[in-house]
C-alpha atoms as a PDB file:
ATOM      1  CA  MET A   1     108.935  91.528  79.093  1.00  0.00           C
ATOM      2  CA  ASP A   2     106.587  90.500  76.308  1.00  0.00           C
ATOM      3  CA  ARG A   3     107.586  90.707  72.644  1.00  0.00           C
ATOM      4  CA  GLU A   4     105.251  93.624  71.863  1.00  0.00           C
ATOM      5  CA  THR A   5     106.803  95.743  74.623  1.00  0.00           C
ATOM      6  CA  ILE A   6     110.313  94.935  73.448  1.00  0.00           C
ATOM      7  CA  ASP A   7     109.381  95.810  69.849  1.00  0.00           C
ATOM      8  CA  LEU A   8     107.952  99.182  70.925  1.00  0.00           C
ATOM      9  CA  TYR A   9     111.067  99.975  72.916  1.00  0.00           C
ATOM     10  CA  VAL A  10     113.450  99.013  70.107  1.00  0.00           C
ATOM     11  CA  ARG A  11     111.447 100.975  67.538  1.00  0.00           C
ATOM     12  CA  TYR A  12     111.670 104.225  69.505  1.00  0.00           C
ATOM     13  CA  GLU A  13     114.974 104.057  71.375  1.00  0.00           C
ATOM     14  CA  GLY A  14     117.016 105.527  68.520  1.00  0.00           C
ATOM     15  CA  MET A  15     114.775 108.503  67.725  1.00  0.00           C
ATOM     16  CA  ASN A  16     116.130 112.031  68.049  1.00  0.00           C
ATOM     17  CA  ASP A  17     114.896 115.609  67.483  1.00  0.00           C
ATOM     18  CA  THR A  18     115.517 115.414  63.739  1.00  0.00           C
ATOM     19  CA  VAL A  19     113.189 112.434  63.413  1.00  0.00           C
ATOM     20  CA  PHE A  20     110.476 114.134  65.465  1.00  0.00           C
ATOM     21  CA  LYS A  21     110.696 117.381  63.484  1.00  0.00           C
ATOM     22  CA  GLY A  22     110.005 115.474  60.263  1.00  0.00           C
ATOM     23  CA  MET A  23     106.847 113.784  61.554  1.00  0.00           C
ATOM     24  CA  SER A  24     103.292 114.854  60.806  1.00  0.00           C
ATOM     25  CA  ILE A  25     100.818 115.672  63.575  1.00  0.00           C
ATOM     26  CA  GLN A  26      99.153 112.284  63.070  1.00  0.00           C
ATOM     27  CA  GLU A  27     102.483 110.463  63.351  1.00  0.00           C
ATOM     28  CA  LEU A  28     103.318 112.364  66.526  1.00  0.00           C
ATOM     29  CA  PHE A  29      99.904 111.530  67.992  1.00  0.00           C
ATOM     30  CA  GLU A  30     100.384 107.837  67.196  1.00  0.00           C
ATOM     31  CA  LEU A  31     103.883 107.954  68.664  1.00  0.00           C
ATOM     32  CA  ARG A  32     102.496 109.512  71.853  1.00  0.00           C
ATOM     33  CA  HIS A  33      99.904 106.746  72.078  1.00  0.00           C
ATOM     34  CA  ASP A  34     102.557 104.046  71.622  1.00  0.00           C
ATOM     35  CA  MET A  35     104.875 105.668  74.158  1.00  0.00           C
ATOM     36  CA  LEU A  36     102.103 105.901  76.774  1.00  0.00           C
ATOM     37  CA  GLU A  37     101.316 102.230  76.163  1.00  0.00           C
ATOM     38  CA  LEU A  38     104.993 101.343  76.601  1.00  0.00           C
ATOM     39  CA  LYS A  39     105.226 103.447  79.773  1.00  0.00           C
ATOM     40  CA  ASN A  40     102.183 101.692  81.245  1.00  0.00           C
ATOM     41  CA  LYS A  41     103.531  98.242  80.388  1.00  0.00           C
ATOM     42  CA  LEU A  42     106.947  98.991  81.836  1.00  0.00           C
ATOM     43  CA  GLY A  43     105.332 100.481  84.931  1.00  0.00           C
ATOM     44  CA  SER A  44     103.260  97.357  85.499  1.00  0.00           C
ATOM     45  CA  LEU A  45     106.367  95.186  85.072  1.00  0.00           C
ATOM     46  CA  LEU A  46     108.155  97.185  87.750  1.00  0.00           C
ATOM     47  CA  LYS A  47     105.222  96.771  90.160  1.00  0.00           C
ATOM     48  CA  ASP A  48     105.294  92.961  89.836  1.00  0.00           C
END
């Protein structure tokens, strides 16, 4: 796994509902983008 993927995973693994409820719409949109990127990277790693 590359460093960027590991950093994304570590950054978001500890989040819970309280954290999400305190985020703005823009923050949630950016989080969604990052999570989709992480999902795609992990998916491609599993295919290899």
